[in-house]
Amino acid sequence: MRERFDAYGEYDDAPRYNIAPSQPVLAIRQEPSTRRRSFSIMQWGLIPSWAKDPTIGFRTINARSETVTTMPSFREPFESQRCLIPADGFYEWMRNRKSKQPYCFEVGDGEVFAFAGLWDRWTDPRGEAVESCTILTTTPNAILADIHDRMPAILRPADYDLWLNPTAHNAESALRLLSPYAGPIRRYPVSTRVNQVQNDGSRLRQTRGIRSSSAESVVSVEEPDTAAIPIF
């Protein structure tokens, strides 16, 4: 993780397979003075610095890329408080008449990647700082469109510097990075135990087959890589 993202700092590297809103997630940001990247633990669900009630974070787990420059909760963080949120997969649910089937989506062969994120710092009534974050979303690519009308914005490694630079205030350049992911991506159905946030562990991601954006056929696969990074 440190080499992949050229970042420093300590973090808990225990694998997690079912992260829910309001739980802690790993984020990466760039320090304005030194331009070094550092790891931080943040609460998932952005609490704006001006918020009176922290429960707003339950409504701000995602930020639509089309409105991020105008929404009050995200407008200022988008200007100078952008971050990366590393993962090796994320979940979306296909709705059936009586149930929801979860699917896991992975980039390439299950490699670590980064969502485009924003962060902010809120101070509670006791004077303690709470750092929190949100994940940007965009329109879906072909492998996801039949399941959901949105997908998380996934950044290419070549774009990390531009996205993280807190002194780069060119909104148009940053917004162009939030297009639907065009690289190889695959999906496979996983256990419905994912639907209960108290469930965790590698068995949640066991599957019988996989569909790739670079191939229409479904092929059998082994248990996915259990890299120690979050999945959403």
C-alpha atoms as a PDB file:
ATOM      1  CA  MET A   1       0.000   0.000   0.000  1.00  0.00           C
ATOM      2  CA  ARG A   2       2.744   2.460   0.880  1.00  0.00           C
ATOM      3  CA  GLU A   3       4.623   1.804  -2.354  1.00  0.00           C
ATOM      4  CA  ARG A   4       1.500   1.752  -4.514  1.00  0.00           C
ATOM      5  CA  PHE A   5       0.298   5.141  -3.278  1.00  0.00           C
ATOM      6  CA  ASP A   6       3.667   6.653  -2.291  1.00  0.00           C
ATOM      7  CA  ALA A   7       2.228   7.509   1.119  1.00  0.00           C
ATOM      8  CA  TYR A   8       3.401   7.286   4.696  1.00  0.00           C
ATOM      9  CA  GLY A   9       1.787   6.776   8.089  1.00  0.00           C
ATOM     10  CA  GLU A  10       0.422   3.972  10.236  1.00  0.00           C
ATOM     11  CA  TYR A  11      -2.896   2.236   9.717  1.00  0.00           C
ATOM     12  CA  ASP A  12      -4.658  -0.975  10.673  1.00  0.00           C
ATOM     13  CA  ASP A  13      -4.044  -3.448   7.834  1.00  0.00           C
ATOM     14  CA  ALA A  14      -6.576  -6.062   9.001  1.00  0.00           C
ATOM     15  CA  PRO A  15      -8.782  -7.139   6.045  1.00  0.00           C
ATOM     16  CA  ARG A  16     -12.352  -5.826   6.017  1.00  0.00           C
ATOM     17  CA  TYR A  17     -15.049  -7.109   3.685  1.00  0.00           C
ATOM     18  CA  ASN A  18     -18.248  -5.258   4.549  1.00  0.00           C
ATOM     19  CA  ILE A  19     -17.782  -1.620   5.518  1.00  0.00           C
ATOM     20  CA  ALA A  20     -20.908   0.399   6.270  1.00  0.00           C
ATOM     21  CA  PRO A  21     -21.577   4.162   6.418  1.00  0.00           C
ATOM     22  CA  SER A  22     -20.334   5.861   9.597  1.00  0.00           C
ATOM     23  CA  GLN A  23     -17.561   3.276  10.012  1.00  0.00           C
ATOM     24  CA  PRO A  24     -13.858   4.217   9.723  1.00  0.00           C
ATOM     25  CA  VAL A  25     -12.152   3.931   6.340  1.00  0.00           C
ATOM     26  CA  LEU A  26      -8.612   4.481   5.139  1.00  0.00           C
ATOM     27  CA  ALA A  27      -8.008   7.664   3.133  1.00  0.00           C
ATOM     28  CA  ILE A  28      -4.961   9.264   1.510  1.00  0.00           C
ATOM     29  CA  ARG A  29      -4.431  13.001   1.226  1.00  0.00           C
ATOM     30  CA  GLN A  30      -1.616  15.334   0.287  1.00  0.00           C
ATOM     31  CA  GLU A  31      -0.069  17.803   2.692  1.00  0.00           C
ATOM     32  CA  PRO A  32      -0.169  21.357   1.250  1.00  0.00           C
ATOM     33  CA  SER A  33       3.252  22.426   2.547  1.00  0.00           C
ATOM     34  CA  THR A  34       5.344  19.351   1.703  1.00  0.00           C
ATOM     35  CA  ARG A  35       3.210  17.701  -1.019  1.00  0.00           C
ATOM     36  CA  ARG A  36       3.744  14.391   0.774  1.00  0.00           C
ATOM     37  CA  ARG A  37       0.912  11.880   0.807  1.00  0.00           C
ATOM     38  CA  SER A  38      -0.223  10.479   4.121  1.00  0.00           C
ATOM     39  CA  PHE A  39      -2.667   7.846   5.351  1.00  0.00           C
ATOM     40  CA  SER A  40      -5.563   8.932   7.558  1.00  0.00           C
ATOM     41  CA  ILE A  41      -8.499   7.137   9.141  1.00  0.00           C
ATOM     42  CA  MET A  42     -11.794   8.917   8.508  1.00  0.00           C
ATOM     43  CA  GLN A  43     -15.455   8.315   9.156  1.00  0.00           C
ATOM     44  CA  TRP A  44     -17.378   7.349   6.013  1.00  0.00           C
ATOM     45  CA  GLY A  45     -20.080   9.997   5.529  1.00  0.00           C
ATOM     46  CA  LEU A  46     -18.839  13.571   5.198  1.00  0.00           C
ATOM     47  CA  ILE A  47     -19.739  15.949   8.035  1.00  0.00           C
ATOM     48  CA  PRO A  48     -19.248  19.531   6.769  1.00  0.00           C
ATOM     49  CA  SER A  49     -17.226  21.823   9.016  1.00  0.00           C
ATOM     50  CA  TRP A  50     -20.292  24.059   9.459  1.00  0.00           C
ATOM     51  CA  ALA A  51     -22.731  21.258  10.364  1.00  0.00           C
ATOM     52  CA  LYS A  52     -24.777  21.558  13.557  1.00  0.00           C
ATOM     53  CA  ASP A  53     -25.733  17.873  13.591  1.00  0.00           C
ATOM     54  CA  PRO A  54     -23.240  15.094  12.723  1.00  0.00           C
ATOM     55  CA  THR A  55     -26.048  12.816  11.514  1.00  0.00           C
ATOM     56  CA  ILE A  56     -25.836  14.661   8.199  1.00  0.00           C
ATOM     57  CA  GLY A  57     -23.015  12.189   7.503  1.00  0.00           C
ATOM     58  CA  PHE A  58     -25.555   9.430   6.866  1.00  0.00           C
ATOM     59  CA  ARG A  59     -26.804  11.433   3.864  1.00  0.00           C
ATOM     60  CA  THR A  60     -23.378  12.301   2.479  1.00  0.00           C
ATOM     61  CA  ILE A  61     -21.674   8.937   1.980  1.00  0.00           C
ATOM     62  CA  ASN A  62     -21.626   9.707  -1.767  1.00  0.00           C
ATOM     63  CA  ALA A  63     -21.320  12.910  -3.783  1.00  0.00           C
ATOM     64  CA  ARG A  64     -22.623  13.145  -7.336  1.00  0.00           C
ATOM     65  CA  SER A  65     -19.887  14.403  -9.664  1.00  0.00           C
ATOM     66  CA  GLU A  66     -22.458  16.402 -11.663  1.00  0.00           C
ATOM     67  CA  THR A  67     -23.383  18.598  -8.675  1.00  0.00           C
ATOM     68  CA  VAL A  68     -20.294  18.440  -6.444  1.00  0.00           C
ATOM     69  CA  THR A  69     -19.268  22.042  -7.240  1.00  0.00           C
ATOM     70  CA  THR A  70     -22.645  23.472  -6.198  1.00  0.00           C
ATOM     71  CA  MET A  71     -23.819  21.334  -3.258  1.00  0.00           C
ATOM     72  CA  PRO A  72     -23.081  23.163   0.033  1.00  0.00           C
ATOM     73  CA  SER A  73     -21.752  20.029   1.760  1.00  0.00           C
ATOM     74  CA  PHE A  74     -19.188  19.324  -0.964  1.00  0.00           C
ATOM     75  CA  ARG A  75     -18.406  22.645  -2.665  1.00  0.00           C
ATOM     76  CA  GLU A  76     -15.528  23.735  -0.425  1.00  0.00           C
ATOM     77  CA  PRO A  77     -13.981  20.269   0.088  1.00  0.00           C
ATOM     78  CA  PHE A  78     -13.927  19.810  -3.681  1.00  0.00           C
ATOM     79  CA  GLU A  79     -11.776  22.918  -4.044  1.00  0.00           C
ATOM     80  CA  SER A  80      -8.917  21.873  -1.760  1.00  0.00           C
ATOM     81  CA  GLN A  81      -9.751  18.773   0.321  1.00  0.00           C
ATOM     82  CA  ARG A  82      -9.738  15.910  -2.152  1.00  0.00           C
ATOM     83  CA  CYS A  83      -8.522  12.466  -1.142  1.00  0.00           C
ATOM     84  CA  LEU A  84      -8.084   8.895  -2.330  1.00  0.00           C
ATOM     85  CA  ILE A  85      -9.983   6.029  -0.735  1.00  0.00           C
ATOM     86  CA  PRO A  86      -8.163   2.760  -1.512  1.00  0.00           C
ATOM     87  CA  ALA A  87     -10.038  -0.493  -2.063  1.00  0.00           C
ATOM     88  CA  ASP A  88      -9.832  -3.778  -3.927  1.00  0.00           C
ATOM     89  CA  GLY A  89     -13.556  -4.002  -4.642  1.00  0.00           C
ATOM     90  CA  PHE A  90     -17.018  -2.599  -4.068  1.00  0.00           C
ATOM     91  CA  TYR A  91     -20.562  -3.937  -3.874  1.00  0.00           C
ATOM     92  CA  GLU A  92     -23.696  -3.095  -5.803  1.00  0.00           C
ATOM     93  CA  TRP A  93     -27.077  -4.822  -5.551  1.00  0.00           C
ATOM     94  CA  MET A  94     -29.241  -6.187  -8.365  1.00  0.00           C
ATOM     95  CA  ARG A  95     -32.859  -5.833  -7.332  1.00  0.00           C
ATOM     96  CA  ASN A  96     -35.186  -8.754  -7.974  1.00  0.00           C
ATOM     97  CA  ARG A  97     -38.889  -8.868  -7.202  1.00  0.00           C
ATOM     98  CA  LYS A  98     -38.435 -10.198  -3.688  1.00  0.00           C
ATOM     99  CA  SER A  99     -34.744  -9.815  -2.928  1.00  0.00           C
ATOM    100  CA  LYS A 100     -31.478  -8.040  -3.685  1.00  0.00           C
ATOM    101  CA  GLN A 101     -28.484  -9.982  -5.026  1.00  0.00           C
ATOM    102  CA  PRO A 102     -25.136  -8.388  -4.125  1.00  0.00           C
ATOM    103  CA  TYR A 103     -22.322  -8.316  -6.684  1.00  0.00           C
ATOM    104  CA  CYS A 104     -18.675  -7.573  -6.043  1.00  0.00           C
ATOM    105  CA  PHE A 105     -16.838  -5.440  -8.608  1.00  0.00           C
ATOM    106  CA  GLU A 106     -13.067  -5.562  -8.973  1.00  0.00           C
ATOM    107  CA  VAL A 107     -10.579  -3.687 -11.138  1.00  0.00           C
ATOM    108  CA  GLY A 108      -8.369  -5.821 -13.371  1.00  0.00           C
ATOM    109  CA  ASP A 109      -7.579  -9.104 -11.639  1.00  0.00           C
ATOM    110  CA  GLY A 110      -8.473  -7.800  -8.190  1.00  0.00           C
ATOM    111  CA  GLU A 111      -5.788  -5.156  -7.889  1.00  0.00           C
ATOM    112  CA  VAL A 112      -5.818  -2.293  -5.410  1.00  0.00           C
ATOM    113  CA  PHE A 113      -7.303   0.915  -6.802  1.00  0.00           C
ATOM    114  CA  ALA A 114      -8.591   4.238  -5.451  1.00  0.00           C
ATOM    115  CA  PHE A 115     -11.961   5.949  -5.360  1.00  0.00           C
ATOM    116  CA  ALA A 116     -12.071   9.709  -5.775  1.00  0.00           C
ATOM    117  CA  GLY A 117     -13.013  11.143  -2.378  1.00  0.00           C
ATOM    118  CA  LEU A 118     -13.479  14.396  -0.468  1.00  0.00           C
ATOM    119  CA  TRP A 119     -12.849  15.022   3.207  1.00  0.00           C
ATOM    120  CA  ASP A 120     -13.689  17.606   5.842  1.00  0.00           C
ATOM    121  CA  ARG A 121     -13.045  18.281   9.523  1.00  0.00           C
ATOM    122  CA  TRP A 122     -15.895  18.945  11.966  1.00  0.00           C
ATOM    123  CA  THR A 123     -15.525  19.924  15.630  1.00  0.00           C
ATOM    124  CA  ASP A 124     -17.969  18.386  18.099  1.00  0.00           C
ATOM    125  CA  PRO A 125     -19.383  20.257  21.143  1.00  0.00           C
ATOM    126  CA  ARG A 126     -16.522  18.944  23.304  1.00  0.00           C
ATOM    127  CA  GLY A 127     -13.977  20.498  20.967  1.00  0.00           C
ATOM    128  CA  GLU A 128     -12.809  17.204  19.461  1.00  0.00           C
ATOM    129  CA  ALA A 129     -12.145  17.065  15.717  1.00  0.00           C
ATOM    130  CA  VAL A 130     -13.900  14.478  13.565  1.00  0.00           C
ATOM    131  CA  GLU A 131     -12.502  13.872  10.082  1.00  0.00           C
ATOM    132  CA  SER A 132     -14.885  12.322   7.590  1.00  0.00           C
ATOM    133  CA  CYS A 133     -15.091  11.603   3.881  1.00  0.00           C
ATOM    134  CA  THR A 134     -17.365  10.885   0.939  1.00  0.00           C
ATOM    135  CA  ILE A 135     -16.946   8.932  -2.302  1.00  0.00           C
ATOM    136  CA  LEU A 136     -17.637  10.612  -5.645  1.00  0.00           C
ATOM    137  CA  THR A 137     -20.032   8.851  -8.027  1.00  0.00           C
ATOM    138  CA  THR A 138     -20.575   9.075 -11.764  1.00  0.00           C
ATOM    139  CA  THR A 139     -22.658   7.404 -14.472  1.00  0.00           C
ATOM    140  CA  PRO A 140     -22.115   3.634 -14.821  1.00  0.00           C
ATOM    141  CA  ASN A 141     -19.964   1.861 -17.377  1.00  0.00           C
ATOM    142  CA  ALA A 142     -21.184  -1.100 -19.428  1.00  0.00           C
ATOM    143  CA  ILE A 143     -20.372  -3.781 -16.850  1.00  0.00           C
ATOM    144  CA  LEU A 144     -22.443  -2.025 -14.175  1.00  0.00           C
ATOM    145  CA  ALA A 145     -25.278  -0.322 -16.081  1.00  0.00           C
ATOM    146  CA  ASP A 146     -27.778  -3.193 -15.802  1.00  0.00           C
ATOM    147  CA  ILE A 147     -27.426  -3.226 -12.007  1.00  0.00           C
ATOM    148  CA  HIS A 148     -27.287   0.444 -10.986  1.00  0.00           C
ATOM    149  CA  ASP A 149     -27.542   3.901 -12.532  1.00  0.00           C
ATOM    150  CA  ARG A 150     -24.452   5.130 -10.646  1.00  0.00           C
ATOM    151  CA  MET A 151     -20.940   3.873  -9.944  1.00  0.00           C
ATOM    152  CA  PRO A 152     -18.074   5.129  -7.781  1.00  0.00           C
ATOM    153  CA  ALA A 153     -15.537   7.337  -9.529  1.00  0.00           C
ATOM    154  CA  ILE A 154     -12.328   5.294  -9.874  1.00  0.00           C
ATOM    155  CA  LEU A 155      -9.103   7.176 -10.563  1.00  0.00           C
ATOM    156  CA  ARG A 156      -6.177   6.064 -12.690  1.00  0.00           C
ATOM    157  CA  PRO A 157      -2.803   6.124 -10.873  1.00  0.00           C
ATOM    158  CA  ALA A 158      -1.593   8.725 -13.375  1.00  0.00           C
ATOM    159  CA  ASP A 159      -4.311  11.077 -12.109  1.00  0.00           C
ATOM    160  CA  TYR A 160      -3.584  10.822  -8.388  1.00  0.00           C
ATOM    161  CA  ASP A 161      -1.304  13.869  -8.320  1.00  0.00           C
ATOM    162  CA  LEU A 162      -3.825  16.169  -9.963  1.00  0.00           C
ATOM    163  CA  TRP A 163      -6.700  14.935  -7.820  1.00  0.00           C
ATOM    164  CA  LEU A 164      -4.797  15.220  -4.541  1.00  0.00           C
ATOM    165  CA  ASN A 165      -3.075  18.572  -5.138  1.00  0.00           C
ATOM    166  CA  PRO A 166      -4.756  20.898  -2.581  1.00  0.00           C
ATOM    167  CA  THR A 167      -3.471  23.996  -4.391  1.00  0.00           C
ATOM    168  CA  ALA A 168      -4.945  23.022  -7.781  1.00  0.00           C
ATOM    169  CA  HIS A 169      -8.205  24.951  -7.979  1.00  0.00           C
ATOM    170  CA  ASN A 170      -9.047  24.217 -11.618  1.00  0.00           C
ATOM    171  CA  ALA A 171     -12.453  22.617 -11.172  1.00  0.00           C
ATOM    172  CA  GLU A 172     -12.807  21.582 -14.794  1.00  0.00           C
ATOM    173  CA  SER A 173      -9.548  19.604 -14.748  1.00  0.00           C
ATOM    174  CA  ALA A 174     -10.604  17.751 -11.594  1.00  0.00           C
ATOM    175  CA  LEU A 175     -14.113  17.075 -12.887  1.00  0.00           C
ATOM    176  CA  ARG A 176     -12.750  15.485 -16.044  1.00  0.00           C
ATOM    177  CA  LEU A 177     -11.205  12.759 -13.873  1.00  0.00           C
ATOM    178  CA  LEU A 178     -14.648  11.629 -12.703  1.00  0.00           C
ATOM    179  CA  SER A 179     -15.802   9.917 -15.888  1.00  0.00           C
ATOM    180  CA  PRO A 180     -17.001   6.273 -15.844  1.00  0.00           C
ATOM    181  CA  TYR A 181     -14.079   3.895 -15.397  1.00  0.00           C
ATOM    182  CA  ALA A 182     -12.883   2.701 -18.809  1.00  0.00           C
ATOM    183  CA  GLY A 183     -10.308   0.111 -17.738  1.00  0.00           C
ATOM    184  CA  PRO A 184     -10.863  -3.621 -17.223  1.00  0.00           C
ATOM    185  CA  ILE A 185     -13.377  -4.405 -14.500  1.00  0.00           C
ATOM    186  CA  ARG A 186     -15.104  -7.635 -13.493  1.00  0.00           C
ATOM    187  CA  ARG A 187     -18.110  -8.590 -11.406  1.00  0.00           C
ATOM    188  CA  TYR A 188     -19.432 -11.694  -9.685  1.00  0.00           C
ATOM    189  CA  PRO A 189     -22.364 -12.529  -7.382  1.00  0.00           C
ATOM    190  CA  VAL A 190     -21.494 -12.939  -3.716  1.00  0.00           C
ATOM    191  CA  SER A 191     -23.198 -14.117  -0.556  1.00  0.00           C
ATOM    192  CA  THR A 192     -26.366 -12.314   0.525  1.00  0.00           C
ATOM    193  CA  ARG A 193     -24.783 -12.209   3.980  1.00  0.00           C
ATOM    194  CA  VAL A 194     -23.248  -8.970   2.715  1.00  0.00           C
ATOM    195  CA  ASN A 195     -26.715  -7.448   3.181  1.00  0.00           C
ATOM    196  CA  GLN A 196     -26.195  -7.526   6.965  1.00  0.00           C
ATOM    197  CA  VAL A 197     -23.554  -5.022   8.061  1.00  0.00           C
ATOM    198  CA  GLN A 198     -22.570  -7.091  11.098  1.00  0.00           C
ATOM    199  CA  ASN A 199     -21.260  -9.849   8.811  1.00  0.00           C
ATOM    200  CA  ASP A 200     -17.619  -9.728   7.739  1.00  0.00           C
ATOM    201  CA  GLY A 201     -14.902 -12.087   6.551  1.00  0.00           C
ATOM    202  CA  SER A 202     -13.508 -13.462   3.299  1.00  0.00           C
ATOM    203  CA  ARG A 203     -16.380 -15.933   2.841  1.00  0.00           C
ATOM    204  CA  LEU A 204     -18.610 -13.006   1.869  1.00  0.00           C
ATOM    205  CA  ARG A 205     -16.705 -12.786  -1.425  1.00  0.00           C
ATOM    206  CA  GLN A 206     -16.732 -16.430  -2.439  1.00  0.00           C
ATOM    207  CA  THR A 207     -18.313 -16.967  -5.847  1.00  0.00           C
ATOM    208  CA  ARG A 208     -19.007 -19.522  -8.564  1.00  0.00           C
ATOM    209  CA  GLY A 209     -18.330 -17.363 -11.601  1.00  0.00           C
ATOM    210  CA  ILE A 210     -17.211 -14.012 -12.885  1.00  0.00           C
ATOM    211  CA  ARG A 211     -18.121 -11.669 -15.699  1.00  0.00           C
ATOM    212  CA  SER A 212     -15.505  -9.328 -17.143  1.00  0.00           C
ATOM    213  CA  SER A 213     -15.881  -6.115 -19.124  1.00  0.00           C
ATOM    214  CA  SER A 214     -13.345  -7.533 -21.588  1.00  0.00           C
ATOM    215  CA  ALA A 215     -15.223 -10.818 -22.130  1.00  0.00           C
ATOM    216  CA  GLU A 216     -18.895 -11.783 -22.242  1.00  0.00           C
ATOM    217  CA  SER A 217     -18.420 -15.331 -20.946  1.00  0.00           C
ATOM    218  CA  VAL A 218     -18.658 -16.355 -17.303  1.00  0.00           C
ATOM    219  CA  VAL A 219     -15.684 -18.366 -16.065  1.00  0.00           C
ATOM    220  CA  SER A 220     -14.960 -20.075 -12.778  1.00  0.00           C
ATOM    221  CA  VAL A 221     -12.547 -18.391 -10.399  1.00  0.00           C
ATOM    222  CA  GLU A 222     -10.849 -19.109  -7.110  1.00  0.00           C
ATOM    223  CA  GLU A 223     -11.624 -17.149  -3.955  1.00  0.00           C
ATOM    224  CA  PRO A 224     -10.741 -13.465  -4.556  1.00  0.00           C
ATOM    225  CA  ASP A 225      -7.565 -11.929  -3.205  1.00  0.00           C
ATOM    226  CA  THR A 226      -7.971 -10.874   0.417  1.00  0.00           C
ATOM    227  CA  ALA A 227      -5.973  -7.677   0.306  1.00  0.00           C
ATOM    228  CA  ALA A 228      -6.164  -5.635   3.492  1.00  0.00           C
ATOM    229  CA  ILE A 229      -8.187  -2.735   2.164  1.00  0.00           C
ATOM    230  CA  PRO A 230     -11.857  -1.774   2.369  1.00  0.00           C
ATOM    231  CA  ILE A 231     -14.720  -2.644   0.085  1.00  0.00           C
ATOM    232  CA  PHE A 232     -17.894  -0.604  -0.270  1.00  0.00           C
END
